[in-house]
Protein backbone atom coordinates (compact mmCIF):
# COMPACT_ATOMS: atom_id res chain seq x y z
CA MET A 1 49.44 266.30 -14.06
CA GLU A 2 49.31 264.43 -17.02
CA GLN A 3 46.09 263.22 -18.21
CA PRO A 4 45.29 259.14 -17.53
CA ARG A 5 44.91 257.35 -21.25
CA GLN A 6 42.20 256.73 -22.80
CA SER A 7 41.68 254.59 -25.92
CA ILE A 8 38.53 256.08 -27.47
CA LYS A 9 36.48 255.06 -30.48
CA LEU A 10 34.39 256.99 -32.64
CA ASN A 11 30.91 256.13 -33.14
CA ASN A 12 29.09 256.50 -36.38
CA ASP A 13 27.20 259.33 -35.11
CA GLN A 14 30.33 261.30 -34.12
CA ASP A 15 31.87 264.10 -36.33
CA GLU A 16 35.58 263.79 -36.71
CA ASN A 17 35.99 266.94 -38.62
CA ALA A 18 34.31 268.33 -35.65
CA LEU A 19 37.03 266.72 -33.40
CA LEU A 20 39.53 267.99 -35.60
CA ASP A 21 38.27 271.44 -35.58
CA ALA A 22 38.34 271.15 -31.79
CA ALA A 23 41.89 269.94 -31.51
CA LEU A 24 42.88 272.80 -33.52
CA ASN A 25 41.40 275.45 -31.61
CA ALA A 26 42.84 273.85 -28.05
CA LEU A 27 46.01 273.80 -29.72
CA ALA A 28 45.98 277.76 -31.05
CA LYS A 29 44.77 278.51 -27.62
CA ALA A 30 47.55 276.81 -25.85
CA MET A 31 50.11 278.26 -27.57
CA LYS A 32 48.79 281.62 -27.17
CA ALA A 33 48.70 280.93 -23.03
CA LEU A 34 51.99 280.02 -23.14
CA ASN A 35 53.28 282.98 -24.34
CA PHE A 36 50.61 285.19 -22.22
CA TYR A 37 50.57 283.64 -19.10
CA PRO A 38 53.66 283.77 -16.55
CA PRO A 39 54.76 280.04 -16.16
CA GLU A 40 52.93 279.42 -12.87
CA HIS A 41 49.55 280.83 -13.57
CA PRO A 42 47.02 277.84 -13.69
CA GLN A 43 45.57 279.27 -17.08
CA ARG A 44 48.70 277.87 -18.62
CA GLU A 45 48.20 274.37 -17.61
CA GLU A 46 44.31 274.20 -18.32
CA CYS A 47 44.92 275.09 -21.97
CA LEU A 48 47.64 272.77 -22.13
CA SER A 49 45.62 269.93 -20.81
CA ALA A 50 42.52 271.15 -23.22
CA ALA A 51 45.10 270.53 -26.16
CA PHE A 52 46.58 267.25 -25.26
CA GLY A 53 42.61 265.91 -23.80
CA GLN A 54 41.46 267.18 -28.10
CA LEU A 55 44.67 265.18 -29.02
CA VAL A 56 44.01 262.11 -27.72
CA ASN A 57 40.48 261.87 -28.64
CA LEU A 58 41.98 262.33 -32.37
CA VAL A 59 44.57 259.86 -32.05
CA ARG A 60 43.24 256.45 -33.29
CA ASP A 61 45.94 253.46 -32.90
CA ASP A 62 48.29 254.42 -35.19
CA GLU A 63 50.13 257.90 -35.89
CA LEU A 64 48.34 260.83 -36.39
CA ILE A 65 49.68 263.11 -39.33
CA LEU A 66 48.57 266.48 -39.53
CA LEU A 67 49.32 268.08 -42.97
CA TRP A 68 49.62 271.74 -42.96
CA SER A 69 48.83 273.87 -46.34
CA ARG A 70 47.70 277.39 -47.12
CA ASP A 71 43.93 276.04 -46.94
CA GLY A 72 44.23 274.69 -43.24
CA CYS A 73 44.89 271.63 -42.12
CA THR A 74 44.17 267.94 -43.50
CA VAL A 75 44.67 264.50 -41.75
CA ALA A 76 47.13 261.87 -43.94
CA ASP A 77 45.79 258.92 -44.81
CA ARG A 78 41.97 260.37 -44.05
CA ALA A 79 41.64 262.68 -46.77
CA ALA A 80 37.78 263.35 -46.05
CA LEU A 81 39.27 264.59 -42.50
CA LYS A 82 40.51 268.39 -42.85
CA SER A 83 39.30 272.01 -41.42
CA THR A 84 39.71 275.15 -43.42
CA SER A 85 38.45 277.22 -40.67
CA THR A 86 39.80 280.70 -40.01
CA THR A 87 41.54 279.32 -36.81
CA ALA A 88 43.22 276.26 -38.92
CA LYS A 89 44.51 278.51 -41.47
CA ALA A 90 46.16 281.13 -38.99
CA LEU A 91 47.64 278.04 -37.19
CA ALA A 92 48.88 276.57 -40.67
CA ARG A 93 50.90 280.02 -41.62
CA GLU A 94 52.32 279.81 -37.95
CA MET A 95 53.44 276.09 -38.88
CA LEU A 96 54.60 276.98 -42.20
CA THR A 97 56.60 280.20 -41.61
CA ARG A 98 58.48 277.67 -39.10
CA LYS A 99 58.80 275.37 -42.03
CA LEU A 100 56.72 272.76 -40.42
CA GLN A 101 54.68 270.54 -42.80
CA ARG A 102 53.81 267.38 -41.46
CA LEU A 103 53.39 267.34 -37.47
CA ILE A 104 53.46 263.36 -36.81
CA ILE A 105 51.46 262.74 -33.40
CA LEU A 106 52.34 259.18 -32.09
CA PRO A 107 49.58 257.27 -29.54
CA GLN A 108 51.89 257.39 -27.08
CA LEU A 109 51.77 261.13 -26.95
CA SER A 110 52.42 262.79 -23.63
CA LEU A 111 51.99 266.02 -21.71
CA PRO A 112 55.23 267.01 -21.52
CA ASP A 113 56.11 266.56 -25.27
CA LEU A 114 53.36 268.33 -26.12
CA LYS A 115 54.32 271.59 -23.73
CA ALA A 116 57.99 271.40 -25.06
CA PHE A 117 56.40 271.21 -28.78
CA LEU A 118 54.05 274.31 -28.16
CA ALA A 119 56.87 275.96 -26.55
CA ILE A 120 58.90 275.77 -29.47
CA VAL A 121 56.21 276.47 -32.35
CA SER A 122 55.49 279.75 -30.34
CA ALA A 123 58.88 280.95 -30.15
CA ASP A 124 60.07 283.37 -32.97
CA ALA A 125 60.47 281.81 -36.65
CA ALA A 126 64.35 283.49 -36.92
CA ALA A 127 65.12 281.73 -33.64
CA ILE A 128 64.30 278.43 -35.22
CA TYR A 129 66.29 278.69 -37.91
CA ASP A 130 69.29 279.75 -35.98
CA GLY A 131 68.79 276.92 -33.71
CA GLY A 132 69.04 274.48 -36.58
CA GLY A 133 65.15 274.14 -37.53
CA ILE A 134 62.27 273.06 -36.07
CA GLU A 135 63.44 269.13 -36.41
CA ALA A 136 66.93 270.11 -34.25
CA GLU A 137 64.92 271.89 -31.65
CA MET A 138 62.63 269.18 -31.08
CA LEU A 139 65.45 266.64 -30.87
CA ARG A 140 67.35 269.04 -28.67
CA SER A 141 64.06 269.20 -26.00
CA GLY A 142 64.08 265.59 -25.98
CA ILE A 143 60.57 265.11 -27.45
CA THR A 144 59.91 261.78 -28.32
CA THR A 145 56.11 261.48 -29.23
CA ILE A 146 55.79 263.84 -31.75
CA GLY A 147 57.82 264.16 -34.97
CA ALA A 148 58.36 266.80 -37.51
CA ASN A 149 58.43 266.75 -41.41
CA GLU A 150 59.99 263.62 -43.12
CA VAL A 151 61.18 262.25 -39.69
CA ASP A 152 61.74 258.31 -39.40
CA LEU A 153 58.75 256.97 -37.68
CA SER A 154 60.45 253.83 -37.04
CA LEU A 155 63.17 255.98 -35.08
CA LEU A 156 60.41 257.84 -33.55
CA LYS A 157 58.67 254.74 -32.09
CA GLY A 158 61.93 253.88 -31.15
CA LEU A 159 62.67 255.83 -28.84
CA GLN A 160 59.95 255.07 -26.82
CA PRO A 161 60.51 253.69 -23.53
CA GLU A 162 58.04 250.98 -23.59
CA GLU A 163 60.03 248.38 -21.72
CA PRO A 164 63.15 248.48 -19.51
CA GLU A 165 65.54 247.71 -22.27
CA SER A 166 64.24 250.65 -24.48
CA ARG A 167 66.57 252.94 -22.31
CA GLU A 168 69.51 251.09 -23.52
CA GLU A 169 68.62 250.54 -27.20
CA GLU A 170 67.95 254.19 -27.14
CA ALA A 171 71.78 254.96 -25.65
CA ASP A 172 72.85 252.33 -28.44
CA LEU A 173 71.36 254.26 -30.98
CA LEU A 174 72.53 257.66 -29.82
CA THR A 175 76.27 256.43 -29.33
CA GLY A 176 76.45 253.81 -32.05
CA SER A 177 76.75 250.87 -29.91
CA ALA A 178 74.07 248.67 -31.27
CA GLU A 179 76.70 245.85 -31.80
CA GLN A 180 77.28 245.54 -28.29
CA GLU A 181 76.86 241.91 -26.90
CA PRO A 182 73.77 241.45 -24.65
CA ALA A 183 76.41 240.50 -21.98
CA GLU A 184 78.28 243.58 -22.17
CA GLN A 185 74.83 245.56 -21.96
CA ALA A 186 73.88 243.81 -18.77
CA GLU A 187 77.54 244.04 -17.24
CA GLN A 188 77.16 247.84 -18.31
CA ALA A 189 73.48 248.06 -16.38
CA GLU A 190 75.06 246.30 -13.29
CA GLU A 191 78.05 248.52 -13.09
CA GLY A 192 75.38 251.56 -12.56
CA GLU A 193 75.64 253.46 -16.23
CA GLU A 194 72.38 255.10 -16.58
CA GLU A 195 73.27 257.65 -19.13
CA GLU A 196 76.17 257.92 -22.13
CA PRO A 197 78.09 260.81 -21.81
CA LEU A 198 76.78 262.22 -25.36
CA ASP A 199 73.37 262.86 -23.70
CA VAL A 200 74.80 265.42 -21.42
CA ARG A 201 76.81 266.98 -24.32
CA PHE A 202 73.98 267.13 -26.63
CA SER A 203 71.59 268.80 -23.96
CA GLN A 204 74.43 271.45 -23.08
CA LEU A 205 74.64 272.05 -26.45
CA GLY A 206 70.76 272.79 -26.57
CA MET A 207 71.60 275.03 -23.62
CA ASP A 208 74.66 276.74 -25.49
CA ILE A 209 72.33 277.82 -28.06
CA LEU A 210 69.31 278.78 -25.96
CA LEU A 211 71.89 281.40 -24.24
CA GLY A 212 72.81 282.60 -27.32
CA MET A 213 69.30 283.12 -28.17
CA LEU A 214 68.44 284.92 -25.11
CA LYS A 215 71.13 287.30 -25.38
CA ALA A 216 70.36 288.40 -28.77
CA GLU A 217 66.53 288.55 -28.24
CA LYS A 218 64.86 291.89 -27.49
CA LYS A 219 61.73 291.64 -28.28
CA GLU A 220 59.80 290.97 -25.01
CA ALA A 221 57.35 287.73 -25.62
CA GLN A 222 59.95 286.04 -27.92
CA PHE A 223 62.63 286.67 -24.46
CA LEU A 224 60.34 285.13 -21.96
CA GLN A 225 59.93 282.27 -24.18
CA VAL A 226 63.49 281.51 -24.50
CA ALA A 227 64.03 282.07 -20.62
CA ARG A 228 61.44 279.04 -20.32
CA GLU A 229 63.00 277.04 -22.71
CA VAL A 230 66.80 278.33 -20.87
CA ILE A 231 64.80 276.90 -17.74
CA ASP A 232 63.11 273.22 -19.16
CA ALA A 233 67.06 272.93 -20.37
CA ALA A 234 68.41 273.01 -16.99
CA GLU A 235 66.01 270.98 -15.76
CA GLU A 236 66.79 268.51 -18.24
CA LEU A 237 70.82 268.76 -17.29
CA LYS A 238 69.60 268.54 -13.21
CA ARG A 239 67.86 265.49 -14.18
CA GLN A 240 70.68 264.09 -15.81
CA GLY A 241 72.96 264.81 -13.04
CA ALA A 242 75.26 267.07 -14.75
CA PHE A 243 75.23 269.75 -12.30
CA GLU A 244 79.00 271.31 -13.16
CA THR A 245 77.55 271.98 -16.66
CA LEU A 246 74.89 274.91 -14.96
CA PRO A 247 77.74 277.26 -13.36
CA PRO A 248 78.66 278.98 -16.89
CA ALA A 249 75.03 278.92 -17.68
CA ILE A 250 74.07 280.77 -14.64
CA GLU A 251 76.84 283.44 -15.07
CA VAL A 252 75.52 283.80 -18.15
CA LEU A 253 71.83 284.88 -17.26
CA LEU A 254 73.67 286.90 -14.45
CA ASP A 255 74.88 289.16 -17.32
CA VAL A 256 71.88 289.26 -18.79
CA GLN A 257 69.87 290.14 -15.59
CA ALA A 258 72.84 292.97 -15.20
CA GLU A 259 72.11 294.70 -18.52
CA GLU A 260 70.56 298.06 -17.23
CA GLN A 261 68.98 298.67 -20.49
CA ARG A 262 66.56 295.47 -20.52
CA PRO A 263 63.12 295.93 -19.53
CA ALA A 264 62.70 295.58 -15.80
CA ALA A 265 60.12 292.62 -16.81
CA GLN A 266 63.01 290.85 -18.56
CA ARG A 267 65.43 291.42 -15.78
CA GLU A 268 63.17 290.25 -13.25
CA PHE A 269 62.04 286.90 -15.14
CA ILE A 270 65.63 286.45 -15.27
CA ARG A 271 66.24 286.37 -11.63
CA TYR A 272 63.37 284.00 -11.19
CA ALA A 273 64.89 281.89 -14.03
CA LEU A 274 67.98 281.94 -11.52
CA GLU A 275 65.57 280.57 -8.73
CA GLN A 276 64.36 277.87 -10.60
CA ILE A 277 67.97 276.57 -11.93
CA SER A 278 69.04 276.98 -8.81
CA GLY A 279 66.53 275.15 -6.60
CA GLY A 280 65.66 271.25 -6.31
CA ALA A 281 68.98 269.22 -6.05
CA MET A 282 71.16 272.25 -7.58
CA THR A 283 70.76 273.45 -4.46
CA ALA A 284 73.03 271.21 -2.46
CA TYR A 285 75.50 271.41 -5.70
CA LEU A 286 75.43 275.43 -5.20
CA LEU A 287 76.16 274.93 -1.71
CA GLU A 288 79.22 272.65 -2.03
CA ARG A 289 80.75 275.28 -4.15
CA ILE A 290 79.94 278.13 -1.79
CA GLU A 291 81.73 275.85 1.12
CA GLU A 292 84.77 275.65 -0.99
CA ARG A 293 84.36 279.41 -2.13
CA SER A 294 87.34 278.74 -4.94
CA ALA A 295 88.39 281.36 -6.88
CA GLU A 296 87.04 279.79 -10.11
CA ASN A 297 83.33 280.24 -9.23
CA GLU A 298 84.09 282.51 -6.14
CA ALA A 299 82.49 285.77 -8.14
CA MET A 300 79.91 284.10 -10.01
CA LEU A 301 78.11 282.75 -6.76
CA ASP A 302 78.71 286.40 -4.81
CA ARG A 303 76.68 287.57 -7.47
CA LEU A 304 74.17 285.04 -7.69
CA CYS A 305 73.79 285.49 -3.82
CA ALA A 306 73.09 289.13 -4.76
CA VAL A 307 70.63 288.16 -6.82
CA ILE A 308 68.48 285.63 -5.33
CA GLY A 309 69.62 285.84 -1.86
CA HIS A 310 66.07 285.58 -0.55
CA SER A 311 65.60 281.88 -1.91
CA LEU A 312 69.63 280.37 -1.04
CA ALA A 313 69.38 282.24 2.43
CA TYR A 314 67.37 279.32 4.09
CA PRO A 315 69.27 276.44 2.98
CA LEU A 316 72.75 278.27 3.55
CA ILE A 317 71.62 279.12 7.14
CA GLN A 318 70.57 275.45 7.46
CA ARG A 319 74.60 274.53 6.25
CA LEU A 320 75.93 277.05 8.52
CA CYS A 321 74.48 275.53 11.55
CA VAL A 322 76.35 272.06 10.84
CA ALA A 323 79.21 272.93 8.96
CA GLU A 324 82.29 271.81 10.99
CA SER A 325 85.20 273.49 9.31
CA LEU A 326 86.08 277.34 10.02
CA HIS A 327 87.11 277.71 6.39
CA ALA A 328 82.96 276.57 5.48
CA ARG A 329 81.25 278.47 8.01
CA LYS A 330 83.15 281.40 6.86
CA ALA A 331 82.50 280.90 3.24
CA ILE A 332 78.61 280.49 4.20
CA ALA A 333 78.88 283.59 6.07
CA ILE A 334 80.24 285.87 2.97
CA ALA A 335 77.69 284.06 0.97
CA LEU A 336 74.89 285.15 3.47
CA THR A 337 76.52 288.96 3.42
CA ARG A 338 76.30 288.85 0.04
CA SER A 339 72.39 288.55 -0.11
CA GLY A 340 72.31 291.72 1.54
CA VAL A 341 68.81 292.35 3.02
CA ALA A 342 67.21 289.76 1.19
CA ALA A 343 68.52 287.21 3.76
CA LEU A 344 67.27 289.48 6.72
CA PRO A 345 63.74 287.33 6.85
CA ALA A 346 66.01 284.14 7.12
CA LEU A 347 68.41 285.77 9.70
CA ILE A 348 66.07 287.35 12.00
CA PRO A 349 63.95 284.44 12.90
CA MET A 350 67.48 282.67 13.86
CA LEU A 351 68.18 285.17 17.03
CA LYS A 352 65.85 283.28 18.91
CA ASP A 353 67.66 279.92 18.29
CA GLU A 354 68.79 278.26 21.50
CA ARG A 355 72.27 277.54 20.81
CA TRP A 356 74.19 280.97 21.54
CA TYR A 357 76.68 280.51 18.87
CA VAL A 358 74.13 280.16 16.30
CA VAL A 359 72.87 283.38 17.46
CA ARG A 360 76.46 284.74 17.26
CA ASN A 361 76.97 283.86 14.35
CA MET A 362 73.31 285.07 12.93
CA VAL A 363 74.27 288.48 14.69
CA THR A 364 77.97 288.67 12.92
CA ILE A 365 76.43 288.42 9.00
CA LEU A 366 73.62 290.74 10.23
CA GLY A 367 76.17 292.92 11.39
CA GLU A 368 78.53 292.49 8.02
CA ILE A 369 74.88 293.15 5.83
CA GLY A 370 74.88 296.93 7.67
CA SER A 371 70.80 297.34 7.45
CA VAL A 372 69.10 299.44 9.61
CA GLU A 373 66.07 297.18 9.46
CA ALA A 374 68.23 294.88 11.70
CA VAL A 375 68.92 297.48 14.63
CA SER A 376 65.10 296.50 16.05
CA ALA A 377 65.41 292.87 15.81
CA LEU A 378 69.15 293.19 17.81
CA GLN A 379 67.78 295.55 20.33
CA LEU A 380 65.47 292.32 21.46
CA VAL A 381 68.40 290.11 22.13
CA VAL A 382 70.89 292.87 23.44
CA ARG A 383 70.55 291.13 26.95
CA HIS A 384 71.16 287.42 25.93
CA PRO A 385 72.46 285.58 28.31
CA GLU A 386 75.79 284.62 26.82
CA PRO A 387 78.17 287.60 26.77
CA LYS A 388 79.83 286.43 23.42
CA VAL A 389 76.68 287.31 21.96
CA ARG A 390 76.01 290.73 23.52
CA LYS A 391 79.61 291.53 22.40
CA GLU A 392 79.13 290.56 19.16
CA ILE A 393 75.98 292.91 19.45
CA ILE A 394 77.65 295.70 20.08
CA LYS A 395 80.15 295.02 16.97
CA ALA A 396 77.34 294.34 14.88
CA LEU A 397 75.44 297.99 15.71
CA LEU A 398 78.69 299.63 15.42
CA LYS A 399 78.98 298.60 11.90
CA ILE A 400 75.61 299.56 11.44
CA ASN A 401 75.97 303.14 13.16
CA SER A 402 72.48 304.40 13.53
CA GLN A 403 70.70 306.35 15.97
CA GLY A 404 69.14 303.53 17.33
CA ALA A 405 72.05 301.84 17.57
CA ALA A 406 73.92 304.06 19.69
CA GLN A 407 71.47 304.21 22.44
CA THR A 408 71.45 299.97 22.75
CA ILE A 409 74.86 300.33 23.02
CA ILE A 410 74.86 303.09 25.80
CA SER A 411 72.28 300.47 27.71
CA LEU A 412 75.23 298.00 27.96
CA LEU A 413 77.60 300.34 29.57
CA ASP A 414 76.59 298.80 32.81
CA ASP A 415 76.61 295.25 31.80
CA GLU A 416 78.32 293.21 34.47
CA ASP A 417 80.87 291.39 31.98
CA GLU A 418 83.69 293.55 31.86
CA GLU A 419 84.50 292.86 28.38
CA VAL A 420 81.25 293.74 27.06
CA VAL A 421 81.56 297.03 29.05
CA TRP A 422 85.02 297.59 27.41
CA GLN A 423 83.81 297.00 23.78
CA ALA A 424 80.66 299.37 24.53
CA ILE A 425 83.17 302.28 25.42
CA TYR A 426 85.19 301.47 22.40
CA SER A 427 82.44 301.50 20.09
CA LEU A 428 81.01 304.78 21.02
CA GLY A 429 83.91 306.27 20.67
CA THR A 430 84.06 304.65 17.16
CA ILE A 431 81.03 306.35 16.46
CA ARG A 432 81.51 309.73 18.31
CA SER A 433 78.41 309.26 20.05
CA ARG A 434 77.43 312.48 21.79
CA ALA A 435 74.77 310.92 23.65
CA ALA A 436 77.68 308.67 25.05
CA VAL A 437 79.70 311.48 26.73
CA ARG A 438 77.30 311.64 29.96
CA PRO A 439 77.44 308.10 30.49
CA LEU A 440 81.22 307.85 30.11
CA LEU A 441 81.34 310.70 32.26
CA GLU A 442 79.87 308.86 35.22
CA ILE A 443 82.06 305.76 34.66
CA LEU A 444 84.79 308.40 35.41
CA THR A 445 83.33 309.89 38.58
CA VAL A 446 82.27 306.86 40.47
CA PRO A 447 84.12 306.91 43.70
CA ASP A 448 87.70 304.76 43.73
CA ALA A 449 89.70 306.47 45.98
CA PHE A 450 92.70 303.62 44.88
CA LEU A 451 91.58 303.51 41.02
CA LYS A 452 90.89 299.67 41.12
CA GLU A 453 89.16 300.55 37.92
CA LEU A 454 91.95 302.36 35.90
CA ALA A 455 91.90 300.79 33.21
CA LEU A 456 88.12 301.43 32.63
CA LYS A 457 88.60 304.71 33.51
CA LYS A 458 91.40 305.02 30.81
CA ASN A 459 89.21 303.68 28.21
CA ALA A 460 86.21 306.00 28.81
CA LEU A 461 88.44 309.22 28.94
CA ALA A 462 89.87 307.61 25.55
CA ALA A 463 86.19 307.36 23.76
CA ILE A 464 85.37 310.93 25.32
CA GLY A 465 88.52 312.32 23.29
CA ARG A 466 87.42 311.08 20.21
CA ILE A 467 84.03 312.08 20.72
CA GLY A 468 85.50 315.24 21.29
CA ASP A 469 82.29 317.07 22.76
CA ARG A 470 83.17 320.00 25.10
CA GLN A 471 80.63 319.16 27.54
CA ALA A 472 83.34 317.18 29.11
CA THR A 473 85.61 319.65 29.82
CA ALA A 474 84.78 320.41 33.36
CA THR A 475 84.60 317.22 34.99
CA LEU A 476 88.07 316.48 32.84
CA LEU A 477 89.56 319.56 34.15
CA ASP A 478 88.30 318.70 38.13
CA ILE A 479 90.12 315.19 37.59
CA ILE A 480 93.29 316.66 36.80
CA GLY A 481 93.30 318.92 39.69
CA ARG A 482 92.59 316.36 42.08
CA ARG A 483 96.07 315.27 44.30
CA GLY A 484 94.86 311.30 44.78
CA TRP A 485 96.84 311.00 48.16
CA LEU A 486 96.10 307.09 48.40
CA ALA A 487 97.40 305.90 45.23
CA PRO A 488 99.56 308.32 43.75
CA GLY A 489 101.15 306.40 40.50
CA ARG A 490 97.78 305.38 39.61
CA TRP A 491 96.19 308.74 40.00
CA GLN A 492 99.27 310.18 37.66
CA GLU A 493 98.60 307.37 35.08
CA LEU A 494 94.57 308.48 35.20
CA LYS A 495 95.53 312.40 34.98
CA ILE A 496 98.17 312.10 32.28
CA ALA A 497 95.00 310.17 30.23
CA THR A 498 92.81 312.82 30.91
CA ALA A 499 95.17 315.62 29.63
CA ALA A 500 95.50 313.33 26.38
CA ALA A 501 91.59 313.64 26.42
CA LEU A 502 91.55 317.56 26.84
CA GLY A 503 93.63 318.29 24.35
CA GLN A 504 91.34 316.70 21.60
CA LEU A 505 88.08 318.59 22.74
CA GLY A 506 88.84 321.80 21.51
CA ASP A 507 87.84 323.49 24.17
CA GLU A 508 90.01 326.63 25.10
CA THR A 509 89.39 327.35 27.96
CA ALA A 510 91.41 324.45 29.25
CA ILE A 511 94.72 326.29 28.03
CA PRO A 512 95.49 327.99 31.07
CA LEU A 513 95.37 325.22 33.70
CA LEU A 514 97.14 322.77 31.37
CA LYS A 515 99.76 325.55 30.59
CA LYS A 516 100.10 326.23 34.27
CA LEU A 517 100.61 321.94 34.75
CA ALA A 518 103.04 321.91 31.90
CA ARG A 519 105.73 323.95 34.00
CA ARG A 520 106.08 320.72 35.88
CA ASN A 521 109.13 318.73 35.18
CA THR A 522 107.02 315.46 35.82
CA PRO A 523 105.55 313.00 33.09
CA LEU A 524 101.99 315.09 34.04
CA GLY A 525 103.82 318.40 32.99
CA SER A 526 104.57 316.91 29.55
CA ALA A 527 101.39 315.78 28.96
CA CYS A 528 99.41 318.92 29.62
CA GLY A 529 101.89 320.48 27.84
CA ASP A 530 101.12 318.50 24.72
CA ALA A 531 97.80 319.18 24.94
CA ALA A 532 97.81 322.51 25.53
CA ASP A 533 99.97 323.07 22.24
CA ASN A 534 97.28 320.56 20.54
CA LEU A 535 94.35 322.85 21.56
CA GLU A 536 96.41 325.86 20.40
CA ARG A 537 96.63 324.36 16.87
CA LEU A 538 92.84 323.25 16.83
CA ALA A 539 92.10 327.24 17.37
CA LYS A 540 93.89 328.51 14.66
């Protein structure tokens, strides 16, 4: 938080040189803090605030001009005010290396401007040269209360937002439209023009330069500093509402983050930078692009979700719950799936939602993610009152395919909803769960003289055949040997399905009976012959 402005007049007994030394020491400490501490560390802000306070004490009614030389630092127009301390000389070397001879500080000095300036001079000197020099870097950062070298002070003061009209004057100065009539300016203000397009283009140019520096930088400290400046540049573009300029920058950052040769600390900081850039007002813009799922941004957005999925998961879920179109819901679901296990902390609590369709959507996404970590959460809602949710849970567990998943699916074989049971049977056959053979055989052997549950029994037989466990042989041979007097047509259909399942088990002990039944000129005989032939092929 910016400190309140204080107008301080020095008493005769105050030592101005001591104030200068204190200000230079605070500046040097703040520069070190920017490079040493991470952005969220409180020590950074404390050092910056201390430097700001010391400079405020030193600045009088007019600007403060610090002159740097090999001997240290002198204040222009106040020749007696100078510092040749070790800190002053070291700080002077840093400034001169970056071709900064005169540092001009206006009475309206702001803490954000000081922070931006220190971030610039803390960067590698070569990077500053590549960026066009210290003046260009400061201009790109939007600094208006600090100037460098031979800057026109009247221009610098003219950029100060002292009055509401000064914003318009600044736009006029930058766009060359200072000759507009006041009536025309007022008309533009009424139409809601806040900033000229050049401002955005200029900010975007600064971002492009920073991204180029970031990709080329290998040194740890300089890399982290440039990355922080990229975050600041993105915040400025977001402030201007130029959200459409940031997806290309995000793509570059994703490329840098994916470089395996980079140290883990650099890649982790880029992930942090992506979180910061994607936050705030940018989140709504990204959510809209995710819903559109256009070919232009599809790959970039999928990669972004994979890298910072835990940050985007919560807003994505909120958006999914209110999305009206099927296309939007599918697009958001894909984005959550791309987020992977990072999205689980946001997805799993939603399984308790009172809206069954929301729960079903969460279950579907958990299944697509396919993490074993989600099994225990799915087990807690496996008896959800809505059959559509229970059916979706089975599909999700099928995709996860863990030992716990199989046991949970088996528990649903006695579900009261027929479609849920059918889905469970199919899934158990697909994952070839040997633990499911006995429960499936129980479905076959439930007394049903008229075979009213023929379709269900045939599904169980198909699953048993896919599992291919020989422990089912005896029961299947018993079924195929029954007469079935009460519903002969249905019984024949069941026996044909039983013969097909026997042919998949690989148990040669079934061959004699199958060949005996194959001598009959009936559909069952034909099925038994095919099953016997298949068993003989498997035995070879």
